[in-house]
Protein backbone atom coordinates (compact mmCIF):
# COMPACT_ATOMS: atom_id res chain seq x y z
CA MET A 1 81.44 95.72 146.95
CA GLU A 2 84.01 92.57 146.22
CA ILE A 3 84.15 88.19 145.36
CA SER A 4 87.00 86.45 145.94
CA LEU A 5 88.22 83.54 143.48
CA GLU A 6 87.73 80.77 146.28
CA THR A 7 83.87 81.93 146.01
CA VAL A 8 83.62 81.27 142.40
CA GLN A 9 85.63 78.04 142.46
CA GLN A 10 83.09 77.61 144.89
CA LEU A 11 80.37 78.25 142.82
CA ALA A 12 82.00 76.47 139.14
CA PRO A 13 80.10 72.97 138.68
CA ASP A 14 82.90 71.60 137.58
CA GLN A 15 86.33 72.14 136.61
CA ALA A 16 85.59 72.12 132.94
CA SER A 17 83.46 75.06 133.71
CA LEU A 18 86.65 76.91 135.46
CA ASN A 19 88.44 75.93 132.41
CA ALA A 20 85.86 77.13 129.33
CA ALA A 21 86.05 80.91 131.81
CA LYS A 22 89.72 81.35 131.82
CA LYS A 23 89.18 81.43 128.06
CA LEU A 24 87.11 83.92 128.37
CA LEU A 25 89.11 86.36 130.66
CA LYS A 26 89.74 88.68 127.74
CA PRO A 27 89.01 92.05 127.27
CA ALA A 28 87.95 91.60 123.55
CA LYS A 29 85.63 89.22 124.75
CA TRP A 30 83.84 91.95 127.02
CA PRO A 31 82.99 95.01 125.00
CA VAL A 32 80.84 96.20 128.22
CA LEU A 33 81.45 96.12 131.65
CA GLY A 34 79.49 97.90 134.52
CA GLN A 35 78.55 98.12 137.83
CA ALA A 36 76.63 99.47 140.52
CA SER A 37 77.68 99.67 144.13
CA ASP A 38 74.72 100.52 145.80
CA ILE A 39 73.25 97.37 144.61
CA ASN A 40 76.09 95.03 144.91
CA THR A 41 75.67 94.20 141.02
CA ILE A 42 77.78 93.34 138.11
CA TRP A 43 76.69 92.85 134.40
CA GLY A 44 78.88 92.54 131.01
CA GLU A 45 77.79 91.51 127.45
CA CYS A 46 79.99 88.57 126.00
CA GLN A 47 80.67 88.45 122.52
CA GLY A 48 80.29 84.87 121.48
CA SER A 49 80.49 83.10 118.08
CA GLY A 50 76.86 84.81 116.84
CA SER A 51 76.32 88.23 116.07
CA LYS A 52 74.66 88.93 119.32
CA PRO A 53 76.34 89.14 122.56
CA TYR A 54 75.47 87.14 125.71
CA TYR A 55 73.96 89.32 128.69
CA THR A 56 75.49 88.46 132.33
CA VAL A 57 74.42 89.79 135.84
CA ALA A 58 75.70 89.12 139.03
CA ASP A 59 74.81 90.00 142.39
CA ILE A 60 77.85 90.21 144.74
CA SER A 61 76.22 90.14 148.01
CA ASP A 62 73.95 86.85 147.69
CA HIS A 63 76.06 85.68 144.35
CA THR A 64 72.71 84.92 142.35
CA TYR A 65 72.99 85.72 138.36
CA LYS A 66 71.59 85.45 135.12
CA CYS A 67 72.90 84.57 131.40
CA THR A 68 70.79 84.46 128.28
CA CYS A 69 73.31 81.80 126.66
CA PRO A 70 71.72 78.67 126.59
CA SER A 71 74.11 76.46 128.65
CA ARG A 72 72.70 74.00 130.90
CA LYS A 73 75.20 74.61 133.81
CA PHE A 74 74.87 76.63 136.45
CA PRO A 75 76.48 79.34 136.93
CA CYS A 76 77.36 79.23 132.87
CA LYS A 77 81.03 79.82 132.00
CA HIS A 78 80.13 83.13 130.81
CA VAL A 79 78.75 84.45 134.81
CA LEU A 80 82.32 82.87 136.10
CA ALA A 81 84.21 84.67 134.31
CA LEU A 82 81.81 88.08 134.80
CA MET A 83 82.67 87.24 138.51
CA TRP A 84 86.50 86.33 137.98
CA GLN A 85 87.34 89.31 135.91
CA PHE A 86 85.54 91.53 139.06
CA SER A 87 87.60 89.48 141.78
CA ASP A 88 90.72 90.22 139.78
CA ALA A 89 90.51 93.64 138.70
CA ASP A 90 87.05 95.48 139.72
CA ALA A 91 88.33 99.20 137.99
CA ASN A 92 87.52 97.33 134.70
CA PHE A 93 83.92 97.32 135.89
CA ALA A 94 82.62 100.99 135.20
CA SER A 95 80.29 102.76 137.60
CA ALA A 96 76.98 103.31 136.00
CA GLU A 97 73.11 102.80 136.15
CA PRO A 98 71.93 99.68 135.34
CA PRO A 99 70.85 99.09 131.26
CA GLN A 100 67.56 98.21 130.87
CA TRP A 101 68.03 94.84 130.69
CA VAL A 102 69.39 94.46 134.23
CA ALA A 103 66.90 96.53 135.70
CA GLU A 104 64.20 94.34 134.53
CA TRP A 105 66.24 91.11 136.00
CA LEU A 106 66.78 92.78 139.33
CA GLY A 107 63.03 93.79 139.53
CA ARG A 108 61.68 90.00 139.21
CA THR A 109 62.74 87.19 141.17
CA ARG A 110 66.12 86.43 140.34
CA ARG A 111 67.34 82.70 139.72
CA ALA A 112 69.38 81.27 142.74
CA PRO A 113 72.69 79.57 142.16
CA SER A 114 70.64 76.58 142.69
CA SER A 115 67.53 75.32 144.74
CA THR A 116 69.20 72.38 146.61
CA PRO A 117 70.96 73.64 149.62
CA ALA A 118 74.82 73.75 149.69
CA GLN A 119 75.30 71.00 152.08
CA ASP A 120 73.22 68.76 149.66
CA LYS A 121 75.66 69.08 146.89
CA PRO A 122 77.84 66.34 146.17
CA VAL A 123 81.17 67.60 146.76
CA VAL A 124 83.33 67.92 143.02
CA ALA A 125 87.21 68.63 143.00
CA LYS A 126 87.63 72.02 141.61
CA ASP A 127 90.79 74.40 141.86
CA ILE A 128 90.62 77.30 139.99
CA GLY A 129 94.83 77.73 139.83
CA ALA A 130 95.04 74.61 137.98
CA THR A 131 92.37 75.87 135.08
CA GLN A 132 93.85 74.51 131.62
CA GLU A 133 91.73 73.96 128.64
CA GLU A 134 90.16 71.07 127.88
CA PRO A 135 91.90 67.88 126.37
CA THR A 136 91.02 67.38 122.63
CA PRO A 137 88.61 64.41 121.73
CA ALA A 138 90.18 61.22 120.70
CA VAL A 139 89.80 61.30 116.78
CA SER A 140 89.13 58.12 115.06
CA ALA A 141 91.49 57.04 112.30
CA GLU A 142 88.33 57.45 109.92
CA GLU A 143 87.57 60.66 110.82
CA MET A 144 91.18 61.96 110.45
CA ALA A 145 90.68 60.46 107.26
CA LYS A 146 87.75 62.11 106.64
CA LYS A 147 89.21 65.20 107.62
CA ALA A 148 92.26 64.67 105.58
CA ALA A 149 89.82 64.20 102.57
CA VAL A 150 88.30 67.34 102.86
CA ASN A 151 91.05 69.76 103.26
CA ALA A 152 92.81 68.40 100.08
CA LYS A 153 89.44 68.88 98.01
CA LYS A 154 89.66 72.45 99.79
CA ALA A 155 93.30 73.15 99.08
CA ALA A 156 92.62 71.33 95.67
CA GLN A 157 89.78 73.93 94.70
CA THR A 158 91.74 76.45 95.80
CA LYS A 159 94.71 75.91 93.73
CA ALA A 160 92.71 75.38 90.69
CA LYS A 161 90.91 79.03 91.24
CA THR A 162 94.59 80.38 92.19
CA ASP A 163 96.00 78.77 88.41
CA ALA A 164 92.68 80.19 86.78
CA SER A 165 93.41 83.72 87.68
CA ILE A 166 96.94 83.74 87.28
CA SER A 167 96.33 82.40 83.70
CA ASP A 168 93.67 84.96 82.98
CA GLY A 169 96.57 87.49 84.13
CA LEU A 170 99.38 86.59 82.04
CA VAL A 171 96.72 86.21 78.61
CA GLU A 172 96.30 89.61 79.59
CA PHE A 173 99.99 90.04 79.99
CA GLN A 174 100.33 88.44 76.85
CA GLN A 175 98.11 90.66 75.00
CA TRP A 176 99.72 94.14 76.32
CA LEU A 177 103.11 92.53 75.25
CA ASP A 178 101.31 92.37 71.86
CA ASP A 179 100.48 95.27 71.80
CA GLN A 180 103.78 96.67 73.22
CA LEU A 181 105.36 95.50 70.01
CA VAL A 182 103.13 96.73 67.59
CA ASN A 183 103.43 100.50 68.48
CA GLY A 184 106.98 100.19 68.55
CA ILE A 185 110.13 99.75 71.65
CA SER A 186 110.56 103.14 71.14
CA THR A 187 107.20 104.45 72.23
CA PHE A 188 107.46 101.89 74.85
CA ILE A 189 110.40 102.84 76.31
CA LYS A 190 110.06 106.43 76.97
CA GLU A 191 106.23 105.56 78.47
CA ILE A 192 107.56 102.34 80.29
CA ASN A 193 107.06 103.49 83.66
CA GLU A 194 103.41 103.92 83.28
CA ARG A 195 102.98 100.85 81.08
CA CYS A 196 104.66 98.22 83.55
CA ARG A 197 103.14 99.95 86.56
CA ARG A 198 99.44 99.48 84.97
CA ILE A 199 100.27 96.02 83.55
CA ALA A 200 102.22 94.64 86.56
CA SER A 201 99.13 96.11 88.92
CA ARG A 202 96.62 93.78 86.81
CA LEU A 203 98.91 90.90 87.38
CA VAL A 204 99.24 91.69 91.35
CA ASP A 205 94.87 91.45 91.29
CA ALA A 206 95.32 87.94 89.23
CA LYS A 207 97.73 86.47 91.87
CA ALA A 208 100.51 86.50 89.59
CA SER A 209 102.65 88.58 92.30
CA GLY A 210 106.28 87.30 91.45
CA PHE A 211 105.89 87.84 87.63
CA ALA A 212 104.14 91.11 88.54
CA ALA A 213 107.27 92.10 90.54
CA ARG A 214 109.21 91.96 87.29
CA VAL A 215 107.35 93.53 85.49
CA ASP A 216 107.06 96.78 87.84
CA GLU A 217 111.21 96.84 87.94
CA LEU A 218 111.32 96.50 84.50
CA PRO A 219 111.75 100.17 84.11
CA ALA A 220 114.88 100.17 87.03
CA LYS A 221 116.96 98.08 84.55
CA ILE A 222 116.09 99.92 81.23
CA LYS A 223 116.41 103.49 82.43
CA PRO A 224 119.44 103.46 83.51
CA LEU A 225 121.12 102.30 80.59
CA ALA A 226 122.86 104.23 77.37
CA SER A 227 120.40 105.14 75.13
CA SER A 228 121.97 102.83 72.30
CA GLU A 229 121.67 100.09 74.32
CA GLN A 230 117.92 100.26 75.74
CA PRO A 231 116.19 98.45 72.81
CA TYR A 232 118.39 95.33 72.62
CA VAL A 233 118.22 94.97 76.55
CA THR A 234 114.48 95.98 76.08
CA TYR A 235 113.56 93.21 73.85
CA GLN A 236 115.58 90.69 75.82
CA GLU A 237 113.75 91.33 78.95
CA LEU A 238 110.15 91.20 77.64
CA GLY A 239 111.32 88.02 75.18
CA LYS A 240 112.14 86.33 78.67
CA LEU A 241 109.17 87.61 80.46
CA ALA A 242 107.24 85.65 77.48
CA ILE A 243 109.01 83.20 77.57
CA LEU A 244 108.05 82.40 81.41
CA SER A 245 104.57 83.29 80.77
CA GLU A 246 104.36 80.31 78.05
CA ALA A 247 106.16 78.17 80.27
CA TRP A 248 103.02 78.56 83.19
CA PHE A 249 101.04 77.17 80.51
CA THR A 250 102.84 74.67 79.37
CA ASP A 251 103.16 73.28 83.36
CA CYS A 252 101.80 75.49 86.03
CA ASP A 253 103.39 73.07 88.01
CA ASP A 254 106.97 72.99 87.68
CA VAL A 255 108.30 74.17 90.64
CA ASP A 256 110.83 76.65 88.76
CA VAL A 257 108.15 78.41 86.87
CA ARG A 258 105.92 78.54 89.88
CA ARG A 259 108.36 80.19 92.05
CA ALA A 260 109.19 82.70 89.15
CA ILE A 261 105.50 83.45 88.95
CA ALA A 262 103.31 83.08 91.57
CA THR A 263 105.18 83.44 95.10
CA ALA A 264 108.09 81.49 97.09
CA GLU A 265 107.79 78.86 99.57
CA ASN A 266 107.54 79.86 103.15
CA ARG A 267 110.98 78.98 105.22
CA GLU A 268 108.52 76.26 107.08
CA GLN A 269 107.84 74.79 103.79
CA VAL A 270 111.14 74.04 102.23
CA LEU A 271 112.93 73.02 105.72
CA ASN A 272 109.97 70.55 106.23
CA ASN A 273 110.13 69.33 102.64
CA PRO A 274 111.84 65.83 102.97
CA GLU A 275 113.02 65.96 98.95
CA ALA A 276 114.97 69.77 99.80
CA LEU A 277 118.51 69.66 99.27
CA ARG A 278 121.02 69.77 102.44
CA VAL A 279 124.45 70.70 101.60
CA LYS A 280 127.04 70.59 104.76
CA GLY A 281 130.32 72.55 104.25
CA LEU A 282 132.83 75.47 104.55
CA TRP A 283 131.04 78.14 102.97
CA GLN A 284 132.66 81.57 102.10
CA THR A 285 130.91 84.53 101.81
CA VAL A 286 131.66 86.32 98.33
CA GLY A 287 129.02 88.89 97.38
CA GLU A 288 126.47 91.14 98.82
CA ARG A 289 123.72 93.25 97.11
CA VAL A 290 120.65 95.40 98.72
CA GLU A 291 118.27 96.51 96.80
CA THR A 292 115.24 99.27 96.94
CA ARG A 293 112.13 97.48 94.77
CA LYS A 294 109.73 99.46 93.63
CA ASP A 295 106.54 97.80 96.11
CA GLY A 296 108.85 99.67 99.39
CA LEU A 297 110.40 95.97 100.43
CA ILE A 298 114.79 95.94 100.30
CA ALA A 299 115.84 92.88 99.00
CA HIS A 300 118.92 91.58 100.92
CA SER A 301 121.20 89.22 98.79
CA LYS A 302 124.10 87.17 100.19
CA TRP A 303 126.22 84.85 97.96
CA PHE A 304 128.53 82.04 99.13
CA VAL A 305 130.72 79.62 97.93
CA ASN A 306 130.96 76.10 99.11
CA LEU A 307 134.74 75.18 99.60
CA ASN A 308 134.12 72.02 99.93
CA LYS A 309 132.07 70.58 97.40
CA GLY A 310 132.68 71.92 93.48
CA HIS A 311 132.37 75.17 94.50
CA GLN A 312 128.65 75.35 94.65
CA SER A 313 126.83 79.12 94.77
CA ALA A 314 124.28 79.41 97.28
CA LEU A 315 122.47 82.73 97.58
CA LEU A 316 120.23 83.88 100.73
CA LEU A 317 117.90 86.50 99.83
CA ASP A 318 115.50 88.32 102.41
CA PHE A 319 112.96 90.63 102.05
CA TYR A 320 111.86 93.37 104.54
CA PRO A 321 110.17 96.53 105.05
CA ALA A 322 112.72 99.70 104.28
CA SER A 323 111.55 101.27 107.33
CA ASN A 324 113.05 98.47 109.35
CA GLY A 325 116.56 99.69 108.22
CA ARG A 326 119.16 97.34 107.04
CA LYS A 327 119.43 94.11 108.06
CA GLY A 328 122.77 92.32 109.06
CA MET A 329 123.07 88.62 107.26
CA VAL A 330 125.56 86.46 109.48
CA SER A 331 128.73 87.31 108.03
CA SER A 332 131.34 89.79 106.02
CA ILE A 333 133.27 89.35 102.58
CA GLY A 334 135.55 86.74 102.41
CA SER A 335 134.68 85.23 106.05
CA LEU A 336 134.08 81.63 106.31
CA MET A 337 131.57 79.87 108.34
CA GLU A 338 130.76 75.97 109.07
CA ALA A 339 126.79 75.53 107.81
CA GLU A 340 124.43 73.52 106.78
CA LEU A 341 122.08 75.15 103.54
CA VAL A 342 118.81 73.90 102.83
CA PHE A 343 117.92 74.81 98.97
CA TYR A 344 114.59 75.58 97.35
CA PRO A 345 113.46 72.87 95.02
CA ALA A 346 114.71 73.49 91.63
CA ARG A 347 116.51 72.31 88.40
CA LEU A 348 119.31 73.93 89.46
CA PRO A 349 119.50 74.93 93.25
CA THR A 350 120.86 78.09 93.88
CA ARG A 351 118.73 79.70 97.10
CA ALA A 352 118.96 78.72 100.35
CA LEU A 353 117.80 79.02 103.52
CA LEU A 354 120.64 78.69 106.48
CA GLY A 355 120.43 76.29 108.85
CA ASN A 356 122.76 75.60 111.59
CA TYR A 357 126.25 77.29 111.44
CA GLN A 358 129.24 78.26 112.97
CA LEU A 359 131.91 81.30 111.94
CA VAL A 360 135.47 80.34 111.13
CA GLU A 361 138.28 82.25 112.12
CA GLN A 362 140.68 81.10 109.32
CA LEU A 363 143.56 83.49 108.11
CA GLU A 364 143.68 82.47 104.25
CA PRO A 365 141.25 79.71 102.64
CA THR A 366 141.81 77.57 99.89
CA MET A 367 139.80 77.07 96.93
CA ASP A 368 141.02 74.24 94.42
CA GLN A 369 141.27 75.17 91.04
CA VAL A 370 138.45 76.96 89.39
CA ASP A 371 137.15 76.89 85.74
CA SER A 372 137.43 80.04 83.69
CA ASP A 373 134.75 78.58 81.22
CA TYR A 374 131.88 81.49 81.53
CA THR A 375 130.15 80.35 78.66
CA LYS A 376 129.27 76.76 79.86
CA THR A 377 127.72 78.50 82.74
CA LEU A 378 125.89 80.66 80.64
CA THR A 379 124.55 78.27 78.44
CA LEU A 380 123.63 75.81 81.22
CA TYR A 381 121.49 78.58 82.30
CA GLN A 382 119.89 79.47 79.01
CA THR A 383 119.03 75.66 78.90
CA CYS A 384 117.59 75.58 82.33
CA TYR A 385 115.96 78.73 82.59
CA PRO A 386 115.46 80.92 79.66
CA TRP A 387 113.80 82.89 81.62
CA PHE A 388 116.61 84.30 83.80
CA GLU A 389 117.31 87.17 85.44
CA ARG A 390 120.63 87.11 86.66
CA PHE A 391 122.92 84.03 87.91
CA PRO A 392 126.54 83.34 89.84
CA VAL A 393 129.54 82.78 87.94
CA LEU A 394 133.29 81.80 90.18
CA LEU A 395 135.67 82.28 87.76
CA GLY A 396 139.36 81.64 88.01
CA ARG A 397 142.50 83.33 87.08
CA GLY A 398 142.68 86.16 84.97
CA ARG A 399 142.72 90.13 85.79
CA ILE A 400 140.35 93.03 86.00
CA VAL A 401 141.42 95.52 83.10
CA LYS A 402 139.89 99.00 81.95
CA ASP A 403 139.55 100.07 78.60
CA PRO A 404 139.14 104.09 77.49
CA GLN A 405 135.48 104.45 77.21
CA THR A 406 135.93 103.92 81.46
CA SER A 407 134.41 100.73 81.16
CA TYR A 408 135.36 97.61 82.97
CA TRP A 409 136.08 93.94 81.83
CA TRP A 410 137.51 90.61 83.17
CA GLN A 411 139.62 89.07 81.08
CA ALA A 412 140.73 85.42 81.56
CA GLU A 413 144.86 84.53 82.82
CA ASP A 414 145.39 82.85 79.19
CA GLY A 415 143.63 86.32 77.34
CA ASN A 416 140.68 84.02 75.36
CA THR A 417 138.22 84.70 77.45
CA THR A 418 136.61 88.12 78.67
CA LEU A 419 133.68 89.39 80.27
CA ALA A 420 131.87 93.17 80.48
CA LEU A 421 131.19 93.94 83.79
CA SER A 422 128.64 96.14 84.73
CA ASN A 423 130.28 97.28 87.72
CA GLU A 424 130.67 101.83 87.54
CA HIS A 425 133.17 101.42 89.95
CA ILE A 426 136.14 98.86 90.75
CA ASN A 427 138.21 98.83 93.74
CA PRO A 428 141.91 100.21 92.15
CA VAL A 429 143.84 97.49 94.21
CA LEU A 430 142.19 95.04 91.55
CA LEU A 431 143.41 96.58 88.79
CA GLY A 432 145.95 95.11 87.30
CA SER A 433 146.13 92.53 90.18
CA ASP A 434 146.82 88.65 89.56
CA LEU A 435 143.40 87.32 90.77
CA GLU A 436 142.96 83.94 91.61
CA HIS A 437 139.52 83.59 91.24
CA ALA A 438 136.50 86.41 90.89
CA PHE A 439 132.70 85.91 91.65
CA PHE A 440 130.08 87.95 89.70
CA VAL A 441 126.95 87.85 88.77
CA SER A 442 125.92 87.95 84.99
CA ASP A 443 122.47 88.58 83.42
CA GLY A 444 123.76 87.50 80.45
CA ILE A 445 125.27 90.46 78.69
CA LYS A 446 127.13 92.26 81.94
CA ALA A 447 128.45 90.78 84.91
CA GLU A 448 128.82 92.92 87.89
CA LEU A 449 131.99 91.87 90.21
CA MET A 450 131.34 91.00 93.83
CA SER A 451 134.33 90.13 95.17
CA ALA A 452 137.59 88.95 94.04
CA LYS A 453 140.70 87.17 95.54
CA THR A 454 144.45 88.59 95.02
CA LYS A 455 147.50 86.85 95.74
CA ARG A 456 148.54 89.93 97.52
CA TRP A 457 145.65 91.40 99.07
CA GLY A 458 143.26 88.33 99.99
CA THR A 459 139.61 88.32 99.22
CA ILE A 460 138.42 91.86 98.23
CA ALA A 461 134.49 93.40 98.16
CA CYS A 462 133.20 95.27 95.16
């Protein structure tokens, strides 16, 4: 029992029917396919747009057929698709007793393809090998405008609903924050995991996912600290969260605020934004950090400094499941690349996406004189982002020193500026070496040394 594709092509009333039948050649569309070889009959249930499938049956010997769809074309696309599938893979049709609806059709006078003799049919050009999707009908400018208006209205309604949900979540957070302060910061620190997880879950439900992640990561910032440092840092972090939540109520459309509280734009949105800052230059890799978040994602950060234009810093940030393993990101510490970076819109553009790039071989990259004024950078970020978590700092000539308590410090060449470091370990080569410049990521209290360039050893990662 078989049927050829040529027969399917001849049965089709027109090329459009063949095109439509091709779209139905998917197993998911046909949860039931059956055959009864002794009576040359095949059948299937095709899932359409409604809740009930279309019941389709065909006789392979005389090419009669029946379908429950309302199509006025005979045979319809369902019949053609059923025969087409049988021609391609009859093994997908399970041998079985005909179901009742097939038996009823067999017991009645079956509908033939046409009452008109074949030789009297007008010849219509058809080619089963040239099946393609039907062209999209032309849409007038007026129809496009109406569709755009409808889409804009839906988007505005969705945004309004999301904003209201986030606002409710932030109001609940502020009430939660008041409770923590009333109950005492020492009690909060003792129960910080449970308390932060509870409110973070509520914030996720409120669609404030960025804000929720920051709250959820708070215990990881506080618990590793010495007990004498924990209260101060806790007050500082809670204060930043309070400021950020108030910034939402001041202007929820501010790009920095929205990104910090809701979610960041996706790659396509940034790259397709005509107002996005694009910077070409010679970029040096100066830092890398790989962290496992509480939500199970890996946060992989890589920092770059532009050697061509005012030592601008850039962060490439990627998130991926821990199960995927560590991903490589372009280059190693100290390496160079000619690249265009596309920055996320921001008051101080820092996070970026990598465009076209090419690694550059250069033994000793040069960098113009670097400022050593840490306070200026700190003040800039405090002004623009009083809720900041961390920010990049490139400092000029200095050295790394160690105090009797085994804490590390960066000290400017003139000795007038010092910076406490959060690093638990420092490459011994850097201790006491004259540094031409060093790159840090600071939280406003301590800074993590990411890399430094020495006069003798070149760029060294930390």
